[in-house]
Amino acid sequence: MLRRDRHNTQSTAFPIGLLLLAIGAILAYLAVGGAWSDNRTETAVYAPQTIDNSKPR
């Protein structure tokens, strides 16, 4: 005879643990990338110069 209190219950520990692991990995990636980029020299990026072509020749 089967017991009535036996039913399929899925644990939420694995998905929550996986989510927390992913968040931790992203935060570690950002922290390491931020620390690595602080050691580099400043790089200036300049926009290209535009020529005013609105005047007819």
PDB file of N, CA and C in Angstrom:
ATOM      1  N   MET A   1       0.835  -1.169   0.000  1.00  0.00           N
ATOM      2  CA  MET A   1       0.000   0.000   0.000  1.00  0.00           C
ATOM      3  C   MET A   1       0.889   1.245   0.000  1.00  0.00           C
ATOM      4  N   LEU A   2       0.557   2.205  -0.834  1.00  0.00           N
ATOM      5  CA  LEU A   2       1.322   3.431  -0.932  1.00  0.00           C
ATOM      6  C   LEU A   2       0.868   4.433   0.116  1.00  0.00           C
ATOM      7  N   ARG A   3       1.820   5.135   0.645  1.00  0.00           N
ATOM      8  CA  ARG A   3       1.473   6.159   1.619  1.00  0.00           C
ATOM      9  C   ARG A   3       1.082   7.433   0.897  1.00  0.00           C
ATOM     10  N   ARG A   4       0.132   8.179   1.431  1.00  0.00           N
ATOM     11  CA  ARG A   4      -0.359   9.387   0.785  1.00  0.00           C
ATOM     12  C   ARG A   4       0.624  10.561   0.929  1.00  0.00           C
ATOM     13  N   ASP A   5       1.469  10.558   1.950  1.00  0.00           N
ATOM     14  CA  ASP A   5       2.354  11.692   2.140  1.00  0.00           C
ATOM     15  C   ASP A   5       3.602  11.624   1.261  1.00  0.00           C
ATOM     16  N   ARG A   6       3.712  10.602   0.460  1.00  0.00           N
ATOM     17  CA  ARG A   6       4.830  10.494  -0.492  1.00  0.00           C
ATOM     18  C   ARG A   6       4.438  11.190  -1.786  1.00  0.00           C
ATOM     19  N   HIS A   7       5.082  12.260  -2.052  1.00  0.00           N
ATOM     20  CA  HIS A   7       4.849  12.953  -3.305  1.00  0.00           C
ATOM     21  C   HIS A   7       6.176  13.531  -3.767  1.00  0.00           C
ATOM     22  N   ASN A   8       6.238  13.873  -5.004  1.00  0.00           N
ATOM     23  CA  ASN A   8       7.482  14.384  -5.564  1.00  0.00           C
ATOM     24  C   ASN A   8       7.701  15.827  -5.121  1.00  0.00           C
ATOM     25  N   THR A   9       8.659  16.003  -4.268  1.00  0.00           N
ATOM     26  CA  THR A   9       9.031  17.348  -3.854  1.00  0.00           C
ATOM     27  C   THR A   9      10.436  17.606  -4.372  1.00  0.00           C
ATOM     28  N   GLN A  10      10.587  18.704  -5.047  1.00  0.00           N
ATOM     29  CA  GLN A  10      11.894  19.040  -5.585  1.00  0.00           C
ATOM     30  C   GLN A  10      12.567  20.033  -4.652  1.00  0.00           C
ATOM     31  N   SER A  11      13.839  19.848  -4.465  1.00  0.00           N
ATOM     32  CA  SER A  11      14.599  20.720  -3.597  1.00  0.00           C
ATOM     33  C   SER A  11      14.970  21.997  -4.337  1.00  0.00           C
ATOM     34  N   THR A  12      14.893  23.112  -3.644  1.00  0.00           N
ATOM     35  CA  THR A  12      15.288  24.386  -4.243  1.00  0.00           C
ATOM     36  C   THR A  12      16.727  24.733  -3.880  1.00  0.00           C
ATOM     37  N   ALA A  13      17.406  23.849  -3.164  1.00  0.00           N
ATOM     38  CA  ALA A  13      18.771  24.144  -2.735  1.00  0.00           C
ATOM     39  C   ALA A  13      19.718  24.209  -3.927  1.00  0.00           C
ATOM     40  N   PHE A  14      19.570  23.344  -4.912  1.00  0.00           N
ATOM     41  CA  PHE A  14      20.478  23.348  -6.058  1.00  0.00           C
ATOM     42  C   PHE A  14      20.334  24.606  -6.912  1.00  0.00           C
ATOM     43  N   PRO A  15      19.125  25.010  -7.318  1.00  0.00           N
ATOM     44  CA  PRO A  15      19.026  26.233  -8.121  1.00  0.00           C
ATOM     45  C   PRO A  15      19.470  27.496  -7.376  1.00  0.00           C
ATOM     46  N   ILE A  16      19.164  27.586  -6.095  1.00  0.00           N
ATOM     47  CA  ILE A  16      19.570  28.750  -5.312  1.00  0.00           C
ATOM     48  C   ILE A  16      21.081  28.757  -5.134  1.00  0.00           C
ATOM     49  N   GLY A  17      21.660  27.604  -4.879  1.00  0.00           N
ATOM     50  CA  GLY A  17      23.108  27.503  -4.750  1.00  0.00           C
ATOM     51  C   GLY A  17      23.809  27.856  -6.051  1.00  0.00           C
ATOM     52  N   LEU A  18      23.251  27.407  -7.160  1.00  0.00           N
ATOM     53  CA  LEU A  18      23.818  27.722  -8.467  1.00  0.00           C
ATOM     54  C   LEU A  18      23.725  29.219  -8.753  1.00  0.00           C
ATOM     55  N   LEU A  19      22.630  29.833  -8.392  1.00  0.00           N
ATOM     56  CA  LEU A  19      22.455  31.276  -8.564  1.00  0.00           C
ATOM     57  C   LEU A  19      23.461  32.050  -7.717  1.00  0.00           C
ATOM     58  N   LEU A  20      23.637  31.661  -6.472  1.00  0.00           N
ATOM     59  CA  LEU A  20      24.593  32.334  -5.603  1.00  0.00           C
ATOM     60  C   LEU A  20      26.025  32.126  -6.092  1.00  0.00           C
ATOM     61  N   LEU A  21      26.321  30.956  -6.617  1.00  0.00           N
ATOM     62  CA  LEU A  21      27.644  30.690  -7.169  1.00  0.00           C
ATOM     63  C   LEU A  21      27.909  31.571  -8.389  1.00  0.00           C
ATOM     64  N   ALA A  22      26.902  31.738  -9.240  1.00  0.00           N
ATOM     65  CA  ALA A  22      27.055  32.588 -10.420  1.00  0.00           C
ATOM     66  C   ALA A  22      27.246  34.046 -10.018  1.00  0.00           C
ATOM     67  N   ILE A  23      26.499  34.514  -9.036  1.00  0.00           N
ATOM     68  CA  ILE A  23      26.637  35.896  -8.561  1.00  0.00           C
ATOM     69  C   ILE A  23      28.026  36.101  -7.965  1.00  0.00           C
ATOM     70  N   GLY A  24      28.494  35.143  -7.186  1.00  0.00           N
ATOM     71  CA  GLY A  24      29.832  35.232  -6.609  1.00  0.00           C
ATOM     72  C   GLY A  24      30.915  35.267  -7.678  1.00  0.00           C
ATOM     73  N   ALA A  25      30.745  34.458  -8.727  1.00  0.00           N
ATOM     74  CA  ALA A  25      31.725  34.440  -9.815  1.00  0.00           C
ATOM     75  C   ALA A  25      31.734  35.770 -10.560  1.00  0.00           C
ATOM     76  N   ILE A  26      30.583  36.341 -10.795  1.00  0.00           N
ATOM     77  CA  ILE A  26      30.505  37.639 -11.475  1.00  0.00           C
ATOM     78  C   ILE A  26      31.147  38.731 -10.621  1.00  0.00           C
ATOM     79  N   LEU A  27      30.878  38.738  -9.328  1.00  0.00           N
ATOM     80  CA  LEU A  27      31.473  39.740  -8.447  1.00  0.00           C
ATOM     81  C   LEU A  27      32.989  39.591  -8.374  1.00  0.00           C
ATOM     82  N   ALA A  28      33.467  38.355  -8.327  1.00  0.00           N
ATOM     83  CA  ALA A  28      34.913  38.129  -8.314  1.00  0.00           C
ATOM     84  C   ALA A  28      35.543  38.592  -9.618  1.00  0.00           C
ATOM     85  N   TYR A  29      34.880  38.327 -10.732  1.00  0.00           N
ATOM     86  CA  TYR A  29      35.375  38.763 -12.043  1.00  0.00           C
ATOM     87  C   TYR A  29      35.465  40.284 -12.111  1.00  0.00           C
ATOM     88  N   LEU A  30      34.439  40.968 -11.614  1.00  0.00           N
ATOM     89  CA  LEU A  30      34.455  42.426 -11.620  1.00  0.00           C
ATOM     90  C   LEU A  30      35.516  42.986 -10.677  1.00  0.00           C
ATOM     91  N   ALA A  31      35.707  42.357  -9.525  1.00  0.00           N
ATOM     92  CA  ALA A  31      36.706  42.831  -8.568  1.00  0.00           C
ATOM     93  C   ALA A  31      38.114  42.658  -9.128  1.00  0.00           C
ATOM     94  N   VAL A  32      38.392  41.507  -9.723  1.00  0.00           N
ATOM     95  CA  VAL A  32      39.715  41.266 -10.291  1.00  0.00           C
ATOM     96  C   VAL A  32      39.945  42.176 -11.486  1.00  0.00           C
ATOM     97  N   GLY A  33      38.949  42.343 -12.330  1.00  0.00           N
ATOM     98  CA  GLY A  33      39.084  43.233 -13.476  1.00  0.00           C
ATOM     99  C   GLY A  33      39.269  44.673 -13.064  1.00  0.00           C
ATOM    100  N   GLY A  34      38.593  45.103 -12.029  1.00  0.00           N
ATOM    101  CA  GLY A  34      38.739  46.466 -11.539  1.00  0.00           C
ATOM    102  C   GLY A  34      40.113  46.700 -10.942  1.00  0.00           C
ATOM    103  N   ALA A  35      40.620  45.737 -10.197  1.00  0.00           N
ATOM    104  CA  ALA A  35      41.951  45.875  -9.613  1.00  0.00           C
ATOM    105  C   ALA A  35      43.015  45.846 -10.706  1.00  0.00           C
ATOM    106  N   TRP A  36      42.816  45.058 -11.731  1.00  0.00           N
ATOM    107  CA  TRP A  36      43.785  44.959 -12.822  1.00  0.00           C
ATOM    108  C   TRP A  36      43.803  46.230 -13.656  1.00  0.00           C
ATOM    109  N   SER A  37      42.637  46.826 -13.854  1.00  0.00           N
ATOM    110  CA  SER A  37      42.585  48.030 -14.676  1.00  0.00           C
ATOM    111  C   SER A  37      43.117  49.252 -13.924  1.00  0.00           C
ATOM    112  N   ASP A  38      43.161  49.226 -12.597  1.00  0.00           N
ATOM    113  CA  ASP A  38      43.707  50.343 -11.832  1.00  0.00           C
ATOM    114  C   ASP A  38      45.219  50.454 -12.007  1.00  0.00           C
ATOM    115  N   ASN A  39      45.883  49.373 -12.338  1.00  0.00           N
ATOM    116  CA  ASN A  39      47.331  49.372 -12.492  1.00  0.00           C
ATOM    117  C   ASN A  39      47.774  49.859 -13.869  1.00  0.00           C
ATOM    118  N   ARG A  40      46.876  50.029 -14.781  1.00  0.00           N
ATOM    119  CA  ARG A  40      47.232  50.466 -16.131  1.00  0.00           C
ATOM    120  C   ARG A  40      47.293  51.986 -16.192  1.00  0.00           C
ATOM    121  N   THR A  41      47.993  52.476 -17.201  1.00  0.00           N
ATOM    122  CA  THR A  41      48.080  53.926 -17.394  1.00  0.00           C
ATOM    123  C   THR A  41      46.797  54.417 -18.053  1.00  0.00           C
ATOM    124  N   GLU A  42      46.558  55.703 -17.865  1.00  0.00           N
ATOM    125  CA  GLU A  42      45.364  56.307 -18.449  1.00  0.00           C
ATOM    126  C   GLU A  42      45.513  56.378 -19.962  1.00  0.00           C
ATOM    127  N   THR A  43      44.476  56.051 -20.659  1.00  0.00           N
ATOM    128  CA  THR A  43      44.472  56.100 -22.110  1.00  0.00           C
ATOM    129  C   THR A  43      43.422  57.112 -22.542  1.00  0.00           C
ATOM    130  N   ALA A  44      43.834  58.045 -23.381  1.00  0.00           N
ATOM    131  CA  ALA A  44      42.908  59.056 -23.878  1.00  0.00           C
ATOM    132  C   ALA A  44      42.407  58.633 -25.252  1.00  0.00           C
ATOM    133  N   VAL A  45      41.127  58.759 -25.453  1.00  0.00           N
ATOM    134  CA  VAL A  45      40.516  58.446 -26.740  1.00  0.00           C
ATOM    135  C   VAL A  45      39.918  59.734 -27.284  1.00  0.00           C
ATOM    136  N   TYR A  46      40.315  60.094 -28.481  1.00  0.00           N
ATOM    137  CA  TYR A  46      39.849  61.329 -29.090  1.00  0.00           C
ATOM    138  C   TYR A  46      38.894  61.015 -30.228  1.00  0.00           C
ATOM    139  N   ALA A  47      37.859  61.820 -30.348  1.00  0.00           N
ATOM    140  CA  ALA A  47      36.912  61.668 -31.452  1.00  0.00           C
ATOM    141  C   ALA A  47      37.555  62.202 -32.728  1.00  0.00           C
ATOM    142  N   PRO A  48      37.252  61.597 -33.853  1.00  0.00           N
ATOM    143  CA  PRO A  48      37.839  62.093 -35.101  1.00  0.00           C
ATOM    144  C   PRO A  48      37.311  63.483 -35.445  1.00  0.00           C
ATOM    145  N   GLN A  49      38.137  64.269 -36.106  1.00  0.00           N
ATOM    146  CA  GLN A  49      37.736  65.610 -36.489  1.00  0.00           C
ATOM    147  C   GLN A  49      36.797  65.528 -37.684  1.00  0.00           C
ATOM    148  N   THR A  50      35.747  66.321 -37.630  1.00  0.00           N
ATOM    149  CA  THR A  50      34.796  66.331 -38.731  1.00  0.00           C
ATOM    150  C   THR A  50      35.035  67.556 -39.592  1.00  0.00           C
ATOM    151  N   ILE A  51      34.750  67.436 -40.857  1.00  0.00           N
ATOM    152  CA  ILE A  51      34.911  68.530 -41.807  1.00  0.00           C
ATOM    153  C   ILE A  51      33.530  69.052 -42.157  1.00  0.00           C
ATOM    154  N   ASP A  52      33.375  70.362 -42.136  1.00  0.00           N
ATOM    155  CA  ASP A  52      32.085  70.971 -42.455  1.00  0.00           C
ATOM    156  C   ASP A  52      31.914  70.990 -43.969  1.00  0.00           C
ATOM    157  N   ASN A  53      31.062  70.115 -44.490  1.00  0.00           N
ATOM    158  CA  ASN A  53      30.809  70.015 -45.926  1.00  0.00           C
ATOM    159  C   ASN A  53      29.478  70.652 -46.316  1.00  0.00           C
ATOM    160  N   SER A  54      28.946  71.511 -45.469  1.00  0.00           N
ATOM    161  CA  SER A  54      27.637  72.095 -45.764  1.00  0.00           C
ATOM    162  C   SER A  54      27.725  73.242 -46.767  1.00  0.00           C
ATOM    163  N   LYS A  55      28.901  73.773 -46.976  1.00  0.00           N
ATOM    164  CA  LYS A  55      29.055  74.897 -47.935  1.00  0.00           C
ATOM    165  C   LYS A  55      29.173  74.359 -49.360  1.00  0.00           C
ATOM    166  N   PRO A  56      28.402  74.890 -50.296  1.00  0.00           N
ATOM    167  CA  PRO A  56      28.549  74.448 -51.696  1.00  0.00           C
ATOM    168  C   PRO A  56      29.814  75.015 -52.307  1.00  0.00           C
ATOM    169  N   ARG A  57      30.392  74.315 -53.244  1.00  0.00           N
ATOM    170  CA  ARG A  57      31.629  74.768 -53.906  1.00  0.00           C
ATOM    171  C   ARG A  57      31.357  75.650 -55.068  1.00  0.00           C
TER     172      ARG A  57
END
